[in-house]
Protein backbone atom coordinates (compact mmCIF):
# COMPACT_ATOMS: atom_id res chain seq x y z
CA MET A 1 13.82 4.78 20.86
CA SER A 2 13.81 8.36 20.65
CA ARG A 3 13.06 10.50 17.15
CA ILE A 4 15.69 13.83 18.52
CA ALA A 5 16.15 16.71 17.35
CA PHE A 6 19.16 18.04 18.18
CA ILE A 7 20.30 21.86 17.02
CA GLY A 8 23.30 23.67 18.21
CA LEU A 9 26.56 21.16 17.01
CA GLY A 10 29.50 22.88 18.63
CA ASN A 11 31.93 21.04 21.36
CA MET A 12 29.51 19.93 23.21
CA GLY A 13 26.44 19.44 20.98
CA LEU A 14 28.16 17.32 18.61
CA PRO A 15 29.81 14.58 21.04
CA MET A 16 26.12 15.04 22.85
CA ALA A 17 24.60 13.90 20.06
CA GLN A 18 26.98 10.59 19.34
CA ASN A 19 26.44 9.73 22.68
CA LEU A 20 22.53 9.52 22.01
CA LEU A 21 23.73 8.28 18.65
CA LYS A 22 25.45 5.37 20.42
CA ALA A 23 22.85 4.98 23.10
CA GLY A 24 20.00 3.69 19.98
CA HIS A 25 18.68 6.92 19.23
CA GLN A 26 17.53 8.64 16.08
CA VAL A 27 19.16 12.21 16.21
CA GLU A 28 18.71 14.80 13.41
CA GLY A 29 20.95 18.00 13.84
CA VAL A 30 21.07 21.71 13.25
CA ASP A 31 23.80 23.39 12.67
CA VAL A 32 25.51 26.16 10.28
CA ASN A 33 28.75 24.77 10.59
CA PRO A 34 28.85 22.50 7.61
CA ALA A 35 31.79 20.20 9.80
CA ALA A 36 29.68 19.24 12.62
CA LEU A 37 26.61 18.19 10.09
CA ALA A 38 29.46 15.97 8.70
CA LYS A 39 30.74 14.67 11.58
CA LEU A 40 26.48 14.04 12.79
CA THR A 41 25.42 11.80 9.45
CA ALA A 42 28.94 9.57 9.75
CA ALA A 43 27.86 8.60 13.08
CA GLY A 44 25.14 7.18 11.75
CA GLY A 45 22.84 11.05 12.15
CA SER A 46 21.13 12.59 9.63
CA ILE A 47 19.88 16.65 9.27
CA ASP A 48 18.06 19.37 8.41
CA GLU A 49 18.22 22.98 7.30
CA THR A 50 16.24 24.80 10.00
CA ALA A 51 15.15 24.00 13.52
CA LYS A 52 11.38 23.69 12.60
CA GLY A 53 11.80 20.95 10.68
CA ALA A 54 13.63 19.05 12.92
CA ALA A 55 11.56 20.07 15.92
CA SER A 56 8.29 19.30 14.15
CA ARG A 57 9.39 15.41 13.10
CA ALA A 58 10.60 14.80 17.19
CA ASP A 59 9.64 13.66 19.70
CA VAL A 60 12.52 15.05 21.92
CA VAL A 61 13.85 18.40 21.04
CA ILE A 62 17.50 19.14 22.77
CA THR A 63 19.70 22.65 22.53
CA MET A 64 23.00 24.02 23.12
CA LEU A 65 23.22 27.35 21.95
CA PRO A 66 25.94 29.78 22.82
CA SER A 67 23.67 32.21 24.82
CA GLY A 68 20.36 33.48 25.55
CA LYS A 69 19.04 35.82 22.62
CA GLU A 70 19.81 32.39 20.68
CA VAL A 71 17.84 30.47 22.64
CA ARG A 72 14.80 32.94 22.24
CA GLU A 73 15.09 33.21 18.90
CA VAL A 74 15.16 29.05 17.92
CA TYR A 75 12.56 29.06 20.44
CA LEU A 76 10.00 31.96 20.21
CA GLY A 77 11.01 33.04 16.34
CA SER A 78 7.84 32.63 14.43
CA SER A 79 9.46 29.28 12.70
CA GLY A 80 10.76 28.36 16.01
CA ILE A 81 10.50 25.50 18.71
CA VAL A 82 7.32 26.61 20.37
CA GLU A 83 5.55 26.96 16.94
CA ASN A 84 6.23 24.14 14.86
CA ALA A 85 7.12 21.21 17.67
CA ASN A 86 3.87 18.44 18.22
CA ALA A 87 1.96 18.53 21.12
CA GLY A 88 3.85 16.37 23.97
CA THR A 89 7.01 16.96 22.87
CA LEU A 90 10.22 16.96 24.88
CA LEU A 91 12.17 19.87 24.98
CA ILE A 92 15.81 20.12 26.37
CA ASP A 93 17.93 23.31 26.42
CA CYS A 94 21.21 22.69 27.59
CA SER A 95 22.54 25.87 27.21
CA THR A 96 24.12 27.86 29.61
CA ILE A 97 21.87 30.97 29.33
CA ASP A 98 20.39 33.33 32.04
CA VAL A 99 17.28 32.81 34.39
CA GLU A 100 14.96 34.85 33.15
CA THR A 101 15.36 33.87 29.74
CA ALA A 102 14.96 29.77 30.46
CA ARG A 103 11.86 30.42 32.71
CA ALA A 104 9.89 32.31 29.92
CA VAL A 105 10.53 30.52 27.50
CA ALA A 106 9.17 27.31 29.31
CA ALA A 107 6.15 29.14 30.74
CA GLN A 108 5.92 29.93 26.78
CA ALA A 109 6.31 26.01 25.33
CA GLU A 110 4.24 24.80 28.67
CA SER A 111 0.96 27.29 27.33
CA ARG A 112 1.00 25.21 23.92
CA GLY A 113 1.51 21.98 25.67
CA LEU A 114 4.88 21.11 25.03
CA LEU A 115 7.02 19.85 28.25
CA MET A 116 10.40 21.72 29.02
CA LEU A 117 13.48 22.11 30.51
CA ASP A 118 16.59 24.00 31.47
CA ALA A 119 19.17 21.39 31.36
CA PRO A 120 22.99 23.04 31.45
CA VAL A 121 25.83 21.16 32.01
CA SER A 122 29.37 21.02 34.12
CA GLY A 123 31.77 18.89 32.61
CA GLY A 124 33.34 20.45 29.92
CA VAL A 125 34.40 18.52 26.20
CA GLY A 126 35.72 15.47 27.92
CA GLY A 127 32.95 15.12 29.54
CA ALA A 128 30.97 15.32 26.10
CA THR A 129 32.79 13.26 24.75
CA ALA A 130 33.01 10.44 27.91
CA ALA A 131 29.12 11.08 28.83
CA THR A 132 30.47 11.73 32.56
CA LEU A 133 28.88 15.15 32.49
CA THR A 134 27.08 16.56 35.12
CA PHE A 135 23.50 18.08 34.30
CA MET A 136 21.59 20.43 36.66
CA VAL A 137 17.21 20.08 35.60
CA GLY A 138 15.36 22.94 36.01
CA GLY A 139 11.26 21.80 35.85
CA SER A 140 8.70 19.67 36.13
CA ALA A 141 8.40 16.94 37.59
CA GLN A 142 6.67 14.99 34.94
CA ALA A 143 9.84 16.21 32.21
CA PHE A 144 12.38 15.42 34.57
CA ALA A 145 11.13 12.17 35.19
CA ARG A 146 10.91 11.52 30.59
CA ALA A 147 14.13 13.24 30.00
CA GLN A 148 16.18 11.19 32.76
CA SER A 149 16.58 8.13 30.66
CA ILE A 150 18.25 10.77 27.98
CA LEU A 151 19.88 12.78 29.95
CA GLU A 152 21.63 9.23 31.64
CA LYS A 153 23.12 8.49 27.57
CA MET A 154 24.30 12.11 27.96
CA GLY A 155 26.08 12.30 31.62
CA LYS A 156 27.27 10.60 34.64
CA THR A 157 25.22 13.05 37.50
CA ILE A 158 21.79 14.24 36.55
CA VAL A 159 19.79 16.67 39.48
CA HIS A 160 16.76 17.96 39.23
CA ALA A 161 17.21 21.16 41.28
CA GLY A 162 13.31 22.15 41.41
CA GLY A 163 11.35 24.14 38.65
CA ALA A 164 11.94 25.97 35.66
CA GLY A 165 15.30 27.70 35.62
CA ASN A 166 16.65 26.01 38.64
CA GLY A 167 18.81 24.55 36.88
CA GLN A 168 20.64 27.68 34.91
CA ALA A 169 20.26 29.40 38.89
CA ALA A 170 22.44 26.34 39.90
CA LYS A 171 25.00 26.52 36.78
CA ILE A 172 25.86 30.09 37.29
CA CYS A 173 26.52 29.30 41.79
CA ASN A 174 28.22 26.65 40.91
CA ASN A 175 30.53 28.45 38.20
CA MET A 176 30.63 31.70 40.75
CA ILE A 177 32.36 29.24 43.42
CA LEU A 178 35.00 27.95 40.56
CA GLY A 179 35.69 30.94 39.16
CA VAL A 180 36.58 32.90 42.88
CA SER A 181 38.36 29.35 44.19
CA MET A 182 40.38 29.50 40.55
CA ILE A 183 41.52 32.83 41.63
CA ALA A 184 42.32 32.13 44.82
CA VAL A 185 43.95 28.99 44.37
CA SER A 186 46.56 30.84 41.70
CA GLU A 187 46.96 33.63 44.18
CA ALA A 188 48.60 30.61 46.94
CA PHE A 189 50.45 29.48 43.96
CA VAL A 190 52.35 33.12 43.49
CA LEU A 191 52.13 33.98 47.35
CA ALA A 192 54.39 30.53 46.99
CA GLU A 193 56.71 30.68 44.72
CA LYS A 194 57.12 34.65 45.74
CA LEU A 195 58.03 32.99 49.24
CA GLY A 196 60.61 30.16 47.72
CA LEU A 197 57.93 27.07 48.58
CA ASP A 198 57.55 24.32 46.16
CA HIS A 199 54.89 24.12 43.95
CA GLN A 200 54.88 19.43 44.90
CA LYS A 201 55.01 20.62 48.12
CA LEU A 202 52.54 23.33 48.57
CA PHE A 203 49.84 20.91 46.08
CA ASP A 204 51.12 17.93 48.52
CA ILE A 205 50.16 19.62 51.86
CA SER A 206 46.73 21.43 50.60
CA SER A 207 45.05 18.73 48.66
CA LYS A 208 45.57 17.31 51.92
CA SER A 209 44.96 20.08 54.45
CA SER A 210 41.59 22.38 54.08
CA GLY A 211 42.41 24.01 51.31
CA GLN A 212 41.37 21.04 49.32
CA CYS A 213 39.46 21.60 46.72
CA TRP A 214 38.46 20.77 42.55
CA SER A 215 40.38 23.98 41.66
CA LEU A 216 43.58 22.59 43.23
CA THR A 217 43.17 19.20 42.89
CA THR A 218 41.57 18.33 39.18
CA TYR A 219 42.18 21.33 37.31
CA CYS A 220 45.71 21.97 39.25
CA PRO A 221 46.82 25.77 37.79
CA VAL A 222 50.68 24.96 37.57
CA PRO A 223 51.92 22.12 35.81
CA GLY A 224 52.69 19.20 36.98
CA PRO A 225 50.81 18.34 40.15
CA VAL A 226 47.73 17.00 38.28
CA PRO A 227 49.23 15.63 35.21
CA THR A 228 45.74 16.21 33.02
CA ALA A 229 44.60 19.30 34.11
CA PRO A 230 45.07 22.43 31.48
CA SER A 231 48.15 23.98 33.20
CA ASN A 232 49.99 20.99 31.92
CA ARG A 233 49.72 22.20 27.72
CA ASP A 234 50.03 25.88 28.52
CA TYR A 235 46.64 26.48 28.89
CA ALA A 236 45.47 24.95 25.53
CA GLY A 237 42.33 23.81 25.85
CA GLY A 238 40.01 22.72 28.79
CA PHE A 239 37.53 25.70 29.94
CA ALA A 240 38.10 28.87 27.82
CA THR A 241 38.61 32.45 29.82
CA ALA A 242 35.35 33.55 27.44
CA LEU A 243 32.98 30.98 28.38
CA MET A 244 34.30 31.43 32.95
CA LEU A 245 33.53 35.89 32.08
CA LYS A 246 30.16 35.03 30.60
CA ASP A 247 28.48 32.61 33.42
CA LEU A 248 30.14 34.60 36.02
CA LYS A 249 28.21 37.35 33.87
CA LEU A 250 25.80 36.10 34.08
CA ALA A 251 25.90 35.67 38.09
CA GLN A 252 26.34 39.14 38.61
CA SER A 253 23.29 40.06 36.32
CA ALA A 254 21.59 37.42 38.75
CA ALA A 255 22.79 38.98 41.61
CA GLN A 256 21.66 42.52 41.52
CA ASN A 257 18.19 41.39 39.86
CA ALA A 258 17.98 39.13 43.41
CA GLY A 259 18.89 41.61 45.27
CA ALA A 260 22.00 39.12 45.93
CA THR A 261 25.84 40.60 47.76
CA THR A 262 28.47 38.72 45.95
CA PRO A 263 31.57 40.54 46.54
CA LEU A 264 34.16 38.17 45.44
CA GLY A 265 31.48 37.06 42.71
CA ALA A 266 32.06 40.81 40.98
CA GLU A 267 35.83 40.97 41.95
CA ALA A 268 36.01 37.32 39.98
CA ALA A 269 34.12 38.69 37.32
CA GLN A 270 36.41 42.07 36.52
CA LEU A 271 39.89 40.06 36.84
CA TYR A 272 38.48 37.44 34.09
CA SER A 273 37.33 40.57 31.99
CA LEU A 274 41.05 42.32 32.52
CA PHE A 275 42.52 38.46 31.53
CA ALA A 276 39.98 38.09 28.56
CA ALA A 277 40.61 41.56 26.84
CA LYS A 278 44.36 41.53 27.56
CA GLY A 279 44.53 38.18 24.71
CA HIS A 280 43.84 35.46 26.38
CA ALA A 281 39.10 34.98 25.82
CA SER A 282 40.19 31.74 24.11
CA THR A 283 42.63 30.98 27.19
CA ASP A 284 41.84 28.15 29.93
CA PHE A 285 40.94 30.14 32.94
CA SER A 286 43.03 28.66 35.03
CA GLY A 287 45.63 30.74 32.91
CA ILE A 288 44.45 33.33 34.63
CA ILE A 289 47.51 32.94 37.21
CA LYS A 290 49.72 34.38 34.10
CA MET A 291 48.21 37.46 34.66
CA LEU A 292 48.26 36.92 38.74
CA ARG A 293 52.67 36.65 38.10
CA GLY A 294 52.63 39.31 35.95
CA GLU A 295 53.19 37.61 32.56
CA ALA A 296 50.39 38.29 30.76
């Protein structure tokens, strides 16, 4: 069993850390939220006030942070992880950030004898709680081999996407598909409503036809056909529009830097930006159907 420092105990990080405790690992948590720290200690973990302190005692450091800015600060600052972790420590950043930051942090870490992976996740809070997350992992084969048994305690699908930054690349490409497909599915249901076609009838047909996709069959944006979808809870919980917009912006930035043409991704970013600006940043992203109906 490993001694793990877990920095960032938010909606995703806390259940991930709790699953590591259930698996028998020692987990020392760091977060600015006292309530999250209390929940970790109640589950059998310990806490530290700083990433520096926790990293200096850890075999493995896992981070789940809001953006590339925080990742650079926590890893590369004078009191950061890279300066204070012991040689050979495995570092796993599960944040969703820009590819450039992921590669810059990995280069600094490796120059000091540390193993570094970027391992963003898919699956939401439900997946984090149930330990069924998908991990998209970038980094060396050596680091991946060492991390796999730990990631398996938090997720169901672990894919090595290639070198440093490739985990982030996979995440933003995947979520660009998701953002675009949700808009397409929502537009189809709005058109069906205008044409007098019942929601369930469209679902029954498209879910078995060429229109089938995850946004339809798992996360249907209208209530009824998929009872577990956020549409049945007035779009509460789930994957917030602000988070979808963040990922779409990361994809657009990466596309510009790489010289890739992504017109649908760009349009999706604009539509989610408008939906968020109308006061729906915390609404599940499938709620964009309300704006397409003219309700938001």
